[in-house]
Amino acid sequence: MRTQLPITLLATALACTLASTAAHARARVFVASYGNDANPCTFGSPCKTFQQAVNVVDAGGEVTAIDSAGFGPISISKAVTITSPDGVEAGIVPTAGGDAIDINAGATDAIVLRGLTLNGAGVAASNGIVFNSGAALTVTNCLVQNFPDTGGNGGFGILIRPTTGTVTFAVTNTMVANNGAIGIYYSPPSGSPDVQGVIDRVVATGNGYGIAIFPVATSGGSLTATISNSIANNNTKSGIFAQSGPGPFKLTIDNMNSSSNGTGVLGTAHANVLLSRSVVTGNGTGIDNSTSQNTFYTYGNNLIDFNTTNITSPLNTTHALQ
């Protein structure tokens, strides 16, 4: 004989179960200057650090800064969005020898970083954002600055280096400034990833290299990338540097201003570089065309002048009227 529970008792038990589930479901969590990492990271009881918030948020969830403060470096291993609203400065300073944000996520994980201020502040051997693995990286409305080149592994503002899989990245409305090595650097250390990238409305200034696309250590894979509506200014080496690896390489540069750099745009190896509607001026060398198969294309609508040397080798105009 089965004993039946009263309806009211069943309802109470169900309500408690739902409440418990809701309490543990953390699709959105919060950090604040007055927070405590022992808190549940709710809006009313926020955490103190981004790391604790990332630890407790659901995969695919969102971490939001409530007010302006420094929230500490982060290690990310799952899909997540980390954001701060307009008017809030969510600061991240790395420890010596570390990264402000280090990403080792899964093959299907998308990471979004929005409205963050990353400052190396002279911290030795440190980097801003290092993306080692994941399906997608989006960086928007961020400032990444002052990561010094100490002759080791430091000095990169945004370092993108997946070694496998199909990967996309987008860096938009962002400034990379005063980083000793490279502002934005795509350079897998090995493997054969297939990557599509977008760099749009970016200012790269005061770095060693402004933007460098450099998959030379890969064993294959492909890269298709676009740099558009952006500025590379006052970088000591090159505003844009593109050198291909063994796989297909296509880089479009559109509506770009590259000025007061060592070299405005440098293309080498068998990179396919398409330059359109851009201004290259005031550099030591405007365009350094070292593409071995003559694959640096211009479309007759660029302004390349008033550099110490405008162009080192003629650009390919085969498709200029198409």
Protein backbone atom coordinates (compact mmCIF):
# COMPACT_ATOMS: atom_id res chain seq x y z
CA MET A 1 0.00 0.00 0.00
CA ARG A 2 1.45 3.38 -1.05
CA THR A 3 1.11 6.42 1.19
CA GLN A 4 0.06 9.56 -0.71
CA LEU A 5 1.49 12.92 0.30
CA PRO A 6 -0.97 15.77 0.74
CA ILE A 7 -1.26 18.11 -2.23
CA THR A 8 -0.09 21.07 -0.13
CA LEU A 9 3.05 19.22 0.93
CA LEU A 10 3.85 18.32 -2.69
CA ALA A 11 3.39 21.93 -3.75
CA THR A 12 5.66 23.13 -0.96
CA ALA A 13 8.35 20.61 -1.92
CA LEU A 14 8.16 21.61 -5.58
CA ALA A 15 8.41 25.29 -4.71
CA CYS A 16 11.47 24.65 -2.58
CA THR A 17 13.08 22.64 -5.38
CA LEU A 18 12.45 25.42 -7.92
CA ALA A 19 13.76 28.04 -5.54
CA SER A 20 16.91 26.02 -4.94
CA THR A 21 17.45 25.54 -8.70
CA ALA A 22 16.98 29.26 -9.32
CA ALA A 23 19.42 30.10 -6.54
CA HIS A 24 22.12 27.97 -8.13
CA ALA A 25 21.44 29.04 -11.74
CA ARG A 26 23.86 31.89 -12.30
CA ALA A 27 23.40 33.03 -15.87
CA ARG A 28 24.35 36.58 -14.83
CA VAL A 29 26.62 37.60 -11.99
CA PHE A 30 28.14 40.86 -10.77
CA VAL A 31 31.32 42.38 -9.36
CA ALA A 32 31.72 45.67 -7.51
CA SER A 33 34.37 47.68 -5.67
CA TYR A 34 32.54 46.95 -2.41
CA GLY A 35 32.00 43.26 -3.21
CA ASN A 36 33.28 40.18 -1.43
CA ASP A 37 34.28 36.91 -3.07
CA ALA A 38 32.42 35.05 -0.34
CA ASN A 39 29.19 36.56 -1.70
CA PRO A 40 26.92 34.75 -4.21
CA CYS A 41 27.81 37.35 -6.91
CA THR A 42 24.24 38.63 -7.24
CA PHE A 43 23.49 42.28 -7.90
CA GLY A 44 22.67 42.79 -4.23
CA SER A 45 25.68 40.77 -3.02
CA PRO A 46 28.37 41.11 -5.70
CA CYS A 47 31.78 39.48 -5.85
CA LYS A 48 35.04 41.41 -5.54
CA THR A 49 36.99 39.92 -8.46
CA PHE A 50 36.30 38.95 -12.04
CA GLN A 51 37.94 35.59 -11.41
CA GLN A 52 35.48 34.55 -8.72
CA ALA A 53 32.57 35.74 -10.86
CA VAL A 54 33.84 33.72 -13.84
CA ASN A 55 34.26 30.70 -11.59
CA VAL A 56 30.61 30.70 -10.49
CA VAL A 57 28.77 31.95 -13.59
CA ASP A 58 27.08 29.40 -15.84
CA ALA A 59 28.84 28.51 -19.06
CA GLY A 60 27.65 31.02 -21.64
CA GLY A 61 26.65 33.45 -18.89
CA GLU A 62 27.56 37.08 -18.30
CA VAL A 63 29.72 38.86 -15.73
CA THR A 64 28.96 42.57 -15.26
CA ALA A 65 30.86 45.25 -13.34
CA ILE A 66 28.54 47.47 -11.32
CA ASP A 67 30.98 50.31 -10.64
CA SER A 68 34.51 51.44 -11.46
CA ALA A 69 37.36 49.53 -9.83
CA GLY A 70 40.19 47.13 -10.49
CA PHE A 71 38.86 43.58 -10.59
CA GLY A 72 42.01 41.51 -11.02
CA PRO A 73 43.38 39.23 -13.76
CA ILE A 74 41.25 36.42 -15.18
CA SER A 75 41.76 32.88 -16.43
CA ILE A 76 38.88 31.77 -18.67
CA SER A 77 38.13 28.16 -19.61
CA LYS A 78 34.48 28.34 -20.74
CA ALA A 79 32.10 30.43 -22.82
CA VAL A 80 31.44 33.73 -21.05
CA THR A 81 30.78 37.44 -21.57
CA ILE A 82 32.61 39.93 -19.34
CA THR A 83 31.32 43.46 -19.61
CA SER A 84 30.95 46.86 -18.04
CA PRO A 85 28.31 49.46 -18.96
CA ASP A 86 29.10 52.92 -20.32
CA GLY A 87 30.53 55.15 -17.62
CA VAL A 88 32.03 52.27 -15.64
CA GLU A 89 35.77 51.59 -15.87
CA ALA A 90 36.38 47.92 -15.19
CA GLY A 91 40.14 47.74 -14.78
CA ILE A 92 42.43 44.72 -15.00
CA VAL A 93 46.13 44.75 -14.08
CA PRO A 94 48.15 41.53 -14.41
CA THR A 95 50.65 40.12 -11.99
CA ALA A 96 54.30 40.01 -13.02
CA GLY A 97 54.88 37.33 -15.64
CA GLY A 98 51.14 36.81 -16.20
CA ASP A 99 48.37 37.92 -18.50
CA ALA A 100 45.55 40.27 -17.68
CA ILE A 101 43.16 37.83 -19.38
CA ASP A 102 44.23 34.32 -20.30
CA ILE A 103 41.82 32.20 -22.39
CA ASN A 104 42.02 28.42 -22.70
CA ALA A 105 38.44 27.57 -23.66
CA GLY A 106 36.76 24.64 -25.39
CA ALA A 107 36.34 24.11 -29.11
CA THR A 108 32.76 25.44 -29.13
CA ASP A 109 33.17 28.24 -26.56
CA ALA A 110 32.63 31.90 -27.47
CA ILE A 111 34.23 34.58 -25.30
CA VAL A 112 33.10 38.22 -25.36
CA LEU A 113 35.08 41.01 -23.66
CA ARG A 114 33.34 44.38 -23.67
CA GLY A 115 34.11 47.73 -22.08
CA LEU A 116 37.27 46.67 -20.21
CA THR A 117 40.45 48.63 -19.42
CA LEU A 118 43.62 46.54 -19.35
CA ASN A 119 46.77 48.26 -18.15
CA GLY A 120 50.19 46.63 -17.96
CA ALA A 121 51.39 49.60 -15.89
CA GLY A 122 54.98 48.56 -16.42
CA VAL A 123 54.41 45.04 -15.05
CA ALA A 124 57.29 42.87 -16.28
CA ALA A 125 56.74 40.04 -18.78
CA SER A 126 53.00 40.48 -18.97
CA ASN A 127 50.40 40.65 -21.74
CA GLY A 128 46.87 41.96 -22.11
CA ILE A 129 44.56 39.37 -23.68
CA VAL A 130 46.00 35.98 -24.66
CA PHE A 131 43.60 33.76 -26.62
CA ASN A 132 45.00 30.23 -26.78
CA SER A 133 41.86 28.25 -27.61
CA GLY A 134 38.13 28.58 -28.15
CA ALA A 135 35.66 28.92 -31.00
CA ALA A 136 35.37 32.71 -31.03
CA LEU A 137 36.83 35.80 -29.42
CA THR A 138 35.11 39.19 -29.51
CA VAL A 139 36.83 42.24 -28.04
CA THR A 140 34.88 45.49 -28.25
CA ASN A 141 35.02 48.93 -26.62
CA CYS A 142 38.22 48.03 -24.77
CA LEU A 143 41.50 49.80 -23.98
CA VAL A 144 44.64 47.66 -23.83
CA GLN A 145 47.77 49.60 -22.96
CA ASN A 146 51.23 49.79 -21.40
CA PHE A 147 52.36 46.18 -21.59
CA PRO A 148 56.17 46.49 -21.79
CA ASP A 149 58.48 44.42 -23.94
CA THR A 150 61.05 43.06 -21.51
CA GLY A 151 62.76 40.81 -24.05
CA GLY A 152 60.82 37.74 -23.00
CA ASN A 153 57.18 36.79 -23.54
CA GLY A 154 55.65 40.13 -22.60
CA GLY A 155 54.58 43.25 -24.41
CA PHE A 156 51.58 42.02 -26.41
CA GLY A 157 48.29 43.89 -26.13
CA ILE A 158 46.05 41.23 -27.74
CA LEU A 159 47.71 37.93 -28.65
CA ILE A 160 45.62 35.46 -30.69
CA ARG A 161 47.26 32.04 -31.01
CA PRO A 162 44.90 29.08 -31.51
CA THR A 163 46.55 25.92 -32.79
CA THR A 164 43.54 23.90 -33.96
CA GLY A 165 39.90 24.03 -35.01
CA THR A 166 37.78 26.60 -36.81
CA VAL A 167 38.11 29.93 -35.04
CA THR A 168 36.79 33.46 -35.49
CA PHE A 169 37.97 36.66 -33.86
CA ALA A 170 36.71 40.24 -33.96
CA VAL A 171 38.35 43.29 -32.40
CA THR A 172 36.20 46.41 -32.76
CA ASN A 173 36.02 49.94 -31.27
CA THR A 174 39.21 49.25 -29.34
CA MET A 175 42.53 51.02 -28.68
CA VAL A 176 45.84 49.20 -28.27
CA ALA A 177 48.44 51.69 -27.12
CA ASN A 178 52.02 51.80 -25.88
CA ASN A 179 52.59 48.05 -25.86
CA GLY A 180 56.28 47.31 -26.20
CA ALA A 181 56.04 44.38 -28.61
CA ILE A 182 52.78 44.37 -30.64
CA GLY A 183 49.34 45.91 -30.25
CA ILE A 184 47.31 43.12 -31.92
CA TYR A 185 49.17 39.94 -32.83
CA TYR A 186 47.85 36.85 -34.62
CA SER A 187 50.54 34.18 -34.37
CA PRO A 188 49.75 30.51 -33.62
CA PRO A 189 52.88 28.74 -32.31
CA SER A 190 52.01 25.50 -34.16
CA GLY A 191 49.14 23.49 -35.64
CA SER A 192 46.81 24.21 -38.54
CA PRO A 193 43.83 26.32 -37.41
CA ASP A 194 41.33 27.73 -39.91
CA VAL A 195 40.75 31.31 -38.82
CA GLN A 196 38.62 34.24 -39.92
CA GLY A 197 39.33 37.59 -38.31
CA VAL A 198 37.97 41.14 -38.28
CA ILE A 199 39.77 44.23 -36.95
CA ASP A 200 37.49 47.25 -37.33
CA ARG A 201 37.53 50.78 -35.86
CA VAL A 202 40.73 50.09 -33.99
CA VAL A 203 43.47 52.56 -33.04
CA ALA A 204 46.94 51.01 -32.72
CA THR A 205 49.40 53.64 -31.53
CA GLY A 206 52.74 53.79 -29.80
CA ASN A 207 53.43 50.05 -30.00
CA GLY A 208 56.40 48.19 -31.44
CA TYR A 209 54.21 46.82 -34.25
CA GLY A 210 50.66 48.14 -34.45
CA ILE A 211 48.96 45.07 -35.97
CA ALA A 212 50.88 41.95 -36.97
CA ILE A 213 49.41 38.94 -38.80
CA PHE A 214 52.08 36.27 -38.64
CA PRO A 215 51.11 32.58 -38.95
CA VAL A 216 54.60 31.45 -39.98
CA ALA A 217 54.90 28.73 -37.30
CA THR A 218 51.77 26.87 -38.39
CA SER A 219 51.90 23.63 -40.35
CA GLY A 220 48.82 24.48 -42.44
CA GLY A 221 45.34 25.84 -41.98
CA SER A 222 44.08 29.08 -43.48
CA LEU A 223 43.61 32.72 -42.56
CA THR A 224 41.20 35.28 -43.99
CA ALA A 225 41.28 38.63 -42.19
CA THR A 226 40.05 42.20 -42.66
CA ILE A 227 41.46 45.40 -41.19
CA SER A 228 39.06 48.28 -41.81
CA ASN A 229 38.20 51.82 -40.70
CA SER A 230 41.23 51.89 -38.44
CA ILE A 231 44.39 53.85 -37.58
CA ALA A 232 47.96 52.67 -37.07
CA ASN A 233 50.06 55.60 -35.90
CA ASN A 234 53.46 56.15 -34.31
CA ASN A 235 54.41 52.48 -34.04
CA THR A 236 58.19 52.14 -34.03
CA LYS A 237 58.38 49.22 -36.48
CA SER A 238 55.32 48.69 -38.73
CA GLY A 239 51.78 49.95 -38.58
CA ILE A 240 50.63 46.70 -40.24
CA PHE A 241 52.81 43.64 -40.76
CA ALA A 242 51.56 40.65 -42.77
CA GLN A 243 53.68 37.56 -43.31
CA SER A 244 52.09 34.32 -44.47
CA GLY A 245 52.75 30.79 -43.32
CA PRO A 246 52.34 27.55 -45.30
CA GLY A 247 48.54 27.81 -45.60
CA PRO A 248 46.30 30.16 -47.61
CA PHE A 249 46.54 33.76 -46.39
CA LYS A 250 44.25 36.61 -47.44
CA LEU A 251 44.34 40.04 -45.78
CA THR A 252 42.09 42.92 -46.81
CA ILE A 253 43.07 46.43 -45.69
CA ASP A 254 40.30 48.94 -46.35
CA ASN A 255 39.89 52.59 -45.27
CA MET A 256 43.04 52.47 -43.15
CA ASN A 257 45.30 55.33 -42.08
CA SER A 258 48.87 54.24 -41.41
CA SER A 259 51.14 57.16 -40.54
CA SER A 260 54.30 58.05 -38.62
CA ASN A 261 55.40 54.42 -38.30
CA GLY A 262 58.72 52.85 -39.18
CA THR A 263 56.88 51.19 -42.08
CA GLY A 264 53.26 51.90 -42.94
CA VAL A 265 52.35 48.47 -44.32
CA LEU A 266 54.73 45.52 -44.72
CA GLY A 267 53.71 42.44 -46.73
CA THR A 268 56.03 39.49 -47.16
CA ALA A 269 56.27 35.81 -48.16
CA HIS A 270 53.27 34.73 -50.28
CA ALA A 271 50.66 36.74 -48.38
CA ASN A 272 47.74 37.97 -50.46
CA VAL A 273 47.27 41.59 -49.36
CA LEU A 274 44.48 43.73 -50.84
CA LEU A 275 44.86 47.48 -50.14
CA SER A 276 41.97 49.83 -50.85
CA ARG A 277 40.83 53.37 -49.90
CA SER A 278 43.73 53.87 -47.50
CA VAL A 279 46.17 56.67 -46.58
CA VAL A 280 49.81 55.79 -45.98
CA THR A 281 51.92 58.83 -45.15
CA GLY A 282 54.70 60.17 -42.96
CA ASN A 283 56.36 56.77 -42.48
CA GLY A 284 59.98 55.82 -42.98
CA THR A 285 58.77 53.42 -45.67
CA GLY A 286 55.19 53.69 -46.87
CA ILE A 287 54.64 50.23 -48.41
CA ASP A 288 57.29 47.54 -48.10
CA ASN A 289 56.22 45.00 -50.71
CA SER A 290 58.25 41.85 -50.19
CA THR A 291 55.60 39.37 -51.34
CA SER A 292 57.52 36.71 -53.21
CA GLN A 293 54.72 36.01 -55.70
CA ASN A 294 53.78 39.65 -56.33
CA THR A 295 50.52 39.31 -54.41
CA PHE A 296 50.30 42.75 -52.80
CA TYR A 297 47.42 44.31 -54.72
CA THR A 298 46.34 47.95 -54.94
CA TYR A 299 43.15 49.21 -56.53
CA GLY A 300 44.27 52.66 -57.60
CA ASN A 301 42.31 54.45 -54.88
CA ASN A 302 44.97 54.81 -52.15
CA LEU A 303 47.00 57.85 -51.08
CA ILE A 304 50.62 56.76 -50.62
CA ASP A 305 52.85 59.81 -50.38
CA PHE A 306 55.17 61.93 -48.23
CA ASN A 307 56.94 58.90 -46.81
CA THR A 308 60.75 58.84 -46.83
CA THR A 309 60.38 55.96 -49.29
CA ASN A 310 56.88 55.52 -50.63
CA ILE A 311 57.00 51.98 -52.10
CA THR A 312 59.92 49.55 -52.11
CA SER A 313 58.63 47.39 -54.97
CA PRO A 314 55.74 48.01 -57.38
CA LEU A 315 52.33 46.85 -56.22
CA ASN A 316 50.21 44.52 -58.31
CA THR A 317 47.46 46.39 -60.19
CA THR A 318 46.16 43.40 -62.15
CA HIS A 319 42.67 43.70 -60.66
CA ALA A 320 42.61 47.48 -60.20
CA LEU A 321 39.68 48.08 -62.56
CA GLN A 322 37.54 45.15 -61.50
